[in-house]
PDB file of N, CA and C in Angstrom:
ATOM      1  N   MET A   1       0.843  -1.185   0.000  1.00  0.00           N
ATOM      2  CA  MET A   1       0.000   0.000   0.000  1.00  0.00           C
ATOM      3  C   MET A   1       0.888   1.249   0.000  1.00  0.00           C
ATOM      4  N   ALA A   2       0.665   2.109  -0.952  1.00  0.00           N
ATOM      5  CA  ALA A   2       1.472   3.320  -1.087  1.00  0.00           C
ATOM      6  C   ALA A   2       1.096   4.331  -0.013  1.00  0.00           C
ATOM      7  N   LYS A   3       2.108   5.054   0.430  1.00  0.00           N
ATOM      8  CA  LYS A   3       1.870   6.111   1.417  1.00  0.00           C
ATOM      9  C   LYS A   3       1.114   7.258   0.774  1.00  0.00           C
ATOM     10  N   GLU A   4       0.150   7.787   1.516  1.00  0.00           N
ATOM     11  CA  GLU A   4      -0.571   8.952   1.013  1.00  0.00           C
ATOM     12  C   GLU A   4       0.331  10.176   1.106  1.00  0.00           C
ATOM     13  N   LYS A   5       0.057  11.136   0.269  1.00  0.00           N
ATOM     14  CA  LYS A   5       0.819  12.378   0.270  1.00  0.00           C
ATOM     15  C   LYS A   5       0.376  13.279   1.413  1.00  0.00           C
ATOM     16  N   PHE A   6       1.299  14.119   1.844  1.00  0.00           N
ATOM     17  CA  PHE A   6       1.040  15.094   2.893  1.00  0.00           C
ATOM     18  C   PHE A   6      -0.154  15.970   2.523  1.00  0.00           C
ATOM     19  N   GLU A   7      -0.148  16.447   1.275  1.00  0.00           N
ATOM     20  CA  GLU A   7      -1.228  17.333   0.819  1.00  0.00           C
ATOM     21  C   GLU A   7      -2.587  16.625   0.853  1.00  0.00           C
ATOM     22  N   THR A   8      -2.585  15.332   0.582  1.00  0.00           N
ATOM     23  CA  THR A   8      -3.826  14.550   0.626  1.00  0.00           C
ATOM     24  C   THR A   8      -4.362  14.495   2.048  1.00  0.00           C
ATOM     25  N   LYS A   9      -3.464  14.311   3.000  1.00  0.00           N
ATOM     26  CA  LYS A   9      -3.864  14.269   4.412  1.00  0.00           C
ATOM     27  C   LYS A   9      -4.479  15.610   4.839  1.00  0.00           C
ATOM     28  N   LEU A  10      -3.846  16.705   4.432  1.00  0.00           N
ATOM     29  CA  LEU A  10      -4.378  18.028   4.785  1.00  0.00           C
ATOM     30  C   LEU A  10      -5.728  18.278   4.136  1.00  0.00           C
ATOM     31  N   GLN A  11      -5.888  17.872   2.894  1.00  0.00           N
ATOM     32  CA  GLN A  11      -7.163  18.047   2.198  1.00  0.00           C
ATOM     33  C   GLN A  11      -8.254  17.243   2.892  1.00  0.00           C
ATOM     34  N   SER A  12      -7.927  16.030   3.277  1.00  0.00           N
ATOM     35  CA  SER A  12      -8.889  15.186   3.989  1.00  0.00           C
ATOM     36  C   SER A  12      -9.299  15.831   5.309  1.00  0.00           C
ATOM     37  N   ALA A  13      -8.339  16.352   6.048  1.00  0.00           N
ATOM     38  CA  ALA A  13      -8.636  17.018   7.319  1.00  0.00           C
ATOM     39  C   ALA A  13      -9.532  18.239   7.096  1.00  0.00           C
ATOM     40  N   LYS A  14      -9.275  18.971   6.020  1.00  0.00           N
ATOM     41  CA  LYS A  14     -10.096  20.145   5.696  1.00  0.00           C
ATOM     42  C   LYS A  14     -11.539  19.728   5.400  1.00  0.00           C
ATOM     43  N   GLU A  15     -11.697  18.655   4.649  1.00  0.00           N
ATOM     44  CA  GLU A  15     -13.046  18.162   4.329  1.00  0.00           C
ATOM     45  C   GLU A  15     -13.773  17.703   5.588  1.00  0.00           C
ATOM     46  N   ILE A  16     -13.031  17.070   6.492  1.00  0.00           N
ATOM     47  CA  ILE A  16     -13.632  16.620   7.750  1.00  0.00           C
ATOM     48  C   ILE A  16     -14.063  17.823   8.588  1.00  0.00           C
ATOM     49  N   LEU A  17     -13.249  18.868   8.605  1.00  0.00           N
ATOM     50  CA  LEU A  17     -13.609  20.090   9.324  1.00  0.00           C
ATOM     51  C   LEU A  17     -14.911  20.674   8.777  1.00  0.00           C
ATOM     52  N   GLU A  18     -15.043  20.682   7.465  1.00  0.00           N
ATOM     53  CA  GLU A  18     -16.277  21.176   6.853  1.00  0.00           C
ATOM     54  C   GLU A  18     -17.474  20.329   7.280  1.00  0.00           C
ATOM     55  N   THR A  19     -17.270  19.013   7.380  1.00  0.00           N
ATOM     56  CA  THR A  19     -18.329  18.115   7.850  1.00  0.00           C
ATOM     57  C   THR A  19     -18.714  18.462   9.281  1.00  0.00           C
ATOM     58  N   LEU A  20     -17.717  18.704  10.115  1.00  0.00           N
ATOM     59  CA  LEU A  20     -17.971  19.019  11.521  1.00  0.00           C
ATOM     60  C   LEU A  20     -18.702  20.349  11.688  1.00  0.00           C
ATOM     61  N   MET A  21     -18.556  21.236  10.733  1.00  0.00           N
ATOM     62  CA  MET A  21     -19.215  22.537  10.814  1.00  0.00           C
ATOM     63  C   MET A  21     -20.689  22.471  10.403  1.00  0.00           C
ATOM     64  N   ASN A  22     -21.103  21.337   9.865  1.00  0.00           N
ATOM     65  CA  ASN A  22     -22.489  21.155   9.446  1.00  0.00           C
ATOM     66  C   ASN A  22     -23.379  21.077  10.694  1.00  0.00           C
ATOM     67  N   PRO A  23     -24.330  21.995  10.851  1.00  0.00           N
ATOM     68  CA  PRO A  23     -25.174  21.994  12.056  1.00  0.00           C
ATOM     69  C   PRO A  23     -26.115  20.791  12.142  1.00  0.00           C
ATOM     70  N   GLU A  24     -26.289  20.066  11.059  1.00  0.00           N
ATOM     71  CA  GLU A  24     -27.205  18.927  11.060  1.00  0.00           C
ATOM     72  C   GLU A  24     -26.522  17.603  11.380  1.00  0.00           C
ATOM     73  N   ILE A  25     -25.218  17.618  11.611  1.00  0.00           N
ATOM     74  CA  ILE A  25     -24.484  16.390  11.906  1.00  0.00           C
ATOM     75  C   ILE A  25     -24.838  15.899  13.309  1.00  0.00           C
ATOM     76  N   THR A  26     -24.958  14.593  13.450  1.00  0.00           N
ATOM     77  CA  THR A  26     -25.291  14.032  14.764  1.00  0.00           C
ATOM     78  C   THR A  26     -24.044  13.983  15.640  1.00  0.00           C
ATOM     79  N   LEU A  27     -24.260  13.814  16.924  1.00  0.00           N
ATOM     80  CA  LEU A  27     -23.145  13.729  17.857  1.00  0.00           C
ATOM     81  C   LEU A  27     -22.242  12.542  17.507  1.00  0.00           C
ATOM     82  N   GLN A  28     -22.856  11.406  17.208  1.00  0.00           N
ATOM     83  CA  GLN A  28     -22.078  10.217  16.866  1.00  0.00           C
ATOM     84  C   GLN A  28     -21.246  10.446  15.601  1.00  0.00           C
ATOM     85  N   GLU A  29     -21.829  11.089  14.612  1.00  0.00           N
ATOM     86  CA  GLU A  29     -21.094  11.404  13.380  1.00  0.00           C
ATOM     87  C   GLU A  29     -19.969  12.394  13.658  1.00  0.00           C
ATOM     88  N   SER A  30     -20.243  13.344  14.551  1.00  0.00           N
ATOM     89  CA  SER A  30     -19.229  14.334  14.919  1.00  0.00           C
ATOM     90  C   SER A  30     -18.019  13.674  15.561  1.00  0.00           C
ATOM     91  N   VAL A  31     -18.276  12.764  16.480  1.00  0.00           N
ATOM     92  CA  VAL A  31     -17.185  12.079  17.174  1.00  0.00           C
ATOM     93  C   VAL A  31     -16.371  11.255  16.190  1.00  0.00           C
ATOM     94  N   LYS A  32     -17.047  10.545  15.321  1.00  0.00           N
ATOM     95  CA  LYS A  32     -16.365   9.715  14.323  1.00  0.00           C
ATOM     96  C   LYS A  32     -15.523  10.583  13.380  1.00  0.00           C
ATOM     97  N   ALA A  33     -16.092  11.686  12.913  1.00  0.00           N
ATOM     98  CA  ALA A  33     -15.369  12.589  12.018  1.00  0.00           C
ATOM     99  C   ALA A  33     -14.183  13.222  12.735  1.00  0.00           C
ATOM    100  N   TYR A  34     -14.377  13.614  13.989  1.00  0.00           N
ATOM    101  CA  TYR A  34     -13.297  14.212  14.767  1.00  0.00           C
ATOM    102  C   TYR A  34     -12.137  13.235  14.909  1.00  0.00           C
ATOM    103  N   GLU A  35     -12.474  11.985  15.229  1.00  0.00           N
ATOM    104  CA  GLU A  35     -11.453  10.948  15.364  1.00  0.00           C
ATOM    105  C   GLU A  35     -10.650  10.793  14.073  1.00  0.00           C
ATOM    106  N   LYS A  36     -11.359  10.718  12.965  1.00  0.00           N
ATOM    107  CA  LYS A  36     -10.701  10.556  11.670  1.00  0.00           C
ATOM    108  C   LYS A  36      -9.842  11.778  11.349  1.00  0.00           C
ATOM    109  N   GLY A  37     -10.364  12.962  11.619  1.00  0.00           N
ATOM    110  CA  GLY A  37      -9.625  14.191  11.367  1.00  0.00           C
ATOM    111  C   GLY A  37      -8.341  14.266  12.178  1.00  0.00           C
ATOM    112  N   MET A  38      -8.413  13.873  13.438  1.00  0.00           N
ATOM    113  CA  MET A  38      -7.226  13.895  14.288  1.00  0.00           C
ATOM    114  C   MET A  38      -6.185  12.891  13.794  1.00  0.00           C
ATOM    115  N   LYS A  39      -6.626  11.752  13.285  1.00  0.00           N
ATOM    116  CA  LYS A  39      -5.688  10.771  12.734  1.00  0.00           C
ATOM    117  C   LYS A  39      -5.011  11.329  11.488  1.00  0.00           C
ATOM    118  N   GLU A  40      -5.776  11.983  10.629  1.00  0.00           N
ATOM    119  CA  GLU A  40      -5.199  12.570   9.419  1.00  0.00           C
ATOM    120  C   GLU A  40      -4.151  13.622   9.785  1.00  0.00           C
ATOM    121  N   LEU A  41      -4.474  14.471  10.759  1.00  0.00           N
ATOM    122  CA  LEU A  41      -3.521  15.509  11.178  1.00  0.00           C
ATOM    123  C   LEU A  41      -2.289  14.899  11.846  1.00  0.00           C
ATOM    124  N   SER A  42      -2.497  13.844  12.600  1.00  0.00           N
ATOM    125  CA  SER A  42      -1.372  13.154  13.235  1.00  0.00           C
ATOM    126  C   SER A  42      -0.449  12.545  12.179  1.00  0.00           C
ATOM    127  N   ASP A  43      -1.047  11.917  11.174  1.00  0.00           N
ATOM    128  CA  ASP A  43      -0.259  11.341  10.083  1.00  0.00           C
ATOM    129  C   ASP A  43       0.514  12.427   9.342  1.00  0.00           C
ATOM    130  N   ALA A  44      -0.129  13.553   9.096  1.00  0.00           N
ATOM    131  CA  ALA A  44       0.535  14.669   8.414  1.00  0.00           C
ATOM    132  C   ALA A  44       1.695  15.197   9.264  1.00  0.00           C
ATOM    133  N   GLN A  45       1.502  15.277  10.567  1.00  0.00           N
ATOM    134  CA  GLN A  45       2.555  15.735  11.471  1.00  0.00           C
ATOM    135  C   GLN A  45       3.750  14.786  11.421  1.00  0.00           C
ATOM    136  N   LYS A  46       3.478  13.478  11.384  1.00  0.00           N
ATOM    137  CA  LYS A  46       4.559  12.496  11.288  1.00  0.00           C
ATOM    138  C   LYS A  46       5.330  12.677   9.980  1.00  0.00           C
ATOM    139  N   MET A  47       4.614  12.951   8.904  1.00  0.00           N
ATOM    140  CA  MET A  47       5.266  13.180   7.613  1.00  0.00           C
ATOM    141  C   MET A  47       6.179  14.405   7.684  1.00  0.00           C
ATOM    142  N   LEU A  48       5.712  15.451   8.343  1.00  0.00           N
ATOM    143  CA  LEU A  48       6.535  16.655   8.510  1.00  0.00           C
ATOM    144  C   LEU A  48       7.795  16.355   9.316  1.00  0.00           C
ATOM    145  N   GLU A  49       7.649  15.583  10.373  1.00  0.00           N
ATOM    146  CA  GLU A  49       8.793  15.237  11.207  1.00  0.00           C
ATOM    147  C   GLU A  49       9.811  14.412  10.417  1.00  0.00           C
ATOM    148  N   GLU A  50       9.314  13.467   9.608  1.00  0.00           N
ATOM    149  CA  GLU A  50      10.207  12.651   8.783  1.00  0.00           C
ATOM    150  C   GLU A  50      10.959  13.529   7.778  1.00  0.00           C
ATOM    151  N   ALA A  51      10.253  14.462   7.169  1.00  0.00           N
ATOM    152  CA  ALA A  51      10.893  15.366   6.211  1.00  0.00           C
ATOM    153  C   ALA A  51      11.945  16.223   6.906  1.00  0.00           C
ATOM    154  N   LYS A  52      11.627  16.691   8.095  1.00  0.00           N
ATOM    155  CA  LYS A  52      12.562  17.510   8.862  1.00  0.00           C
ATOM    156  C   LYS A  52      13.840  16.717   9.169  1.00  0.00           C
ATOM    157  N   LEU A  53      13.691  15.455   9.569  1.00  0.00           N
ATOM    158  CA  LEU A  53      14.844  14.616   9.861  1.00  0.00           C
ATOM    159  C   LEU A  53      15.697  14.389   8.614  1.00  0.00           C
ATOM    160  N   LYS A  54      15.039  14.174   7.481  1.00  0.00           N
ATOM    161  CA  LYS A  54      15.770  13.980   6.231  1.00  0.00           C
ATOM    162  C   LYS A  54      16.580  15.222   5.876  1.00  0.00           C
ATOM    163  N   ILE A  55      15.981  16.378   6.046  1.00  0.00           N
ATOM    164  CA  ILE A  55      16.674  17.638   5.748  1.00  0.00           C
ATOM    165  C   ILE A  55      17.859  17.820   6.696  1.00  0.00           C
ATOM    166  N   GLN A  56      17.664  17.518   7.966  1.00  0.00           N
ATOM    167  CA  GLN A  56      18.764  17.631   8.929  1.00  0.00           C
ATOM    168  C   GLN A  56      19.903  16.686   8.563  1.00  0.00           C
ATOM    169  N   ASN A  57      19.564  15.463   8.146  1.00  0.00           N
ATOM    170  CA  ASN A  57      20.582  14.505   7.735  1.00  0.00           C
ATOM    171  C   ASN A  57      21.346  14.994   6.519  1.00  0.00           C
ATOM    172  N   ILE A  58      20.656  15.572   5.581  1.00  0.00           N
ATOM    173  CA  ILE A  58      21.310  16.101   4.382  1.00  0.00           C
ATOM    174  C   ILE A  58      22.283  17.217   4.768  1.00  0.00           C
ATOM    175  N   LYS A  59      21.832  18.114   5.640  1.00  0.00           N
ATOM    176  CA  LYS A  59      22.692  19.213   6.086  1.00  0.00           C
ATOM    177  C   LYS A  59      23.913  18.695   6.823  1.00  0.00           C
ATOM    178  N   THR A  60      23.734  17.662   7.626  1.00  0.00           N
ATOM    179  CA  THR A  60      24.826  17.092   8.408  1.00  0.00           C
ATOM    180  C   THR A  60      25.857  16.427   7.506  1.00  0.00           C
ATOM    181  N   GLU A  61      25.406  15.806   6.427  1.00  0.00           N
ATOM    182  CA  GLU A  61      26.306  15.099   5.517  1.00  0.00           C
ATOM    183  C   GLU A  61      27.169  16.046   4.695  1.00  0.00           C
ATOM    184  N   GLN A  62      26.799  17.287   4.609  1.00  0.00           N
ATOM    185  CA  GLN A  62      27.561  18.235   3.768  1.00  0.00           C
ATOM    186  C   GLN A  62      28.762  18.767   4.456  1.00  0.00           C
TER     187      GLN A  62
END
């Protein structure tokens, strides 16, 4: 399974936020969407950290 792109994770989180802003969403749907949104943001954060480490390694090797 291929890793999703950082931008895809952010777009997904944005769509989930829009869902959460819907006044007609049920509490159960809100909790489920919130959970999914937090996972997407967590995954995106991990991707940022990995990129940061790669950049630091490149700088160190020079």
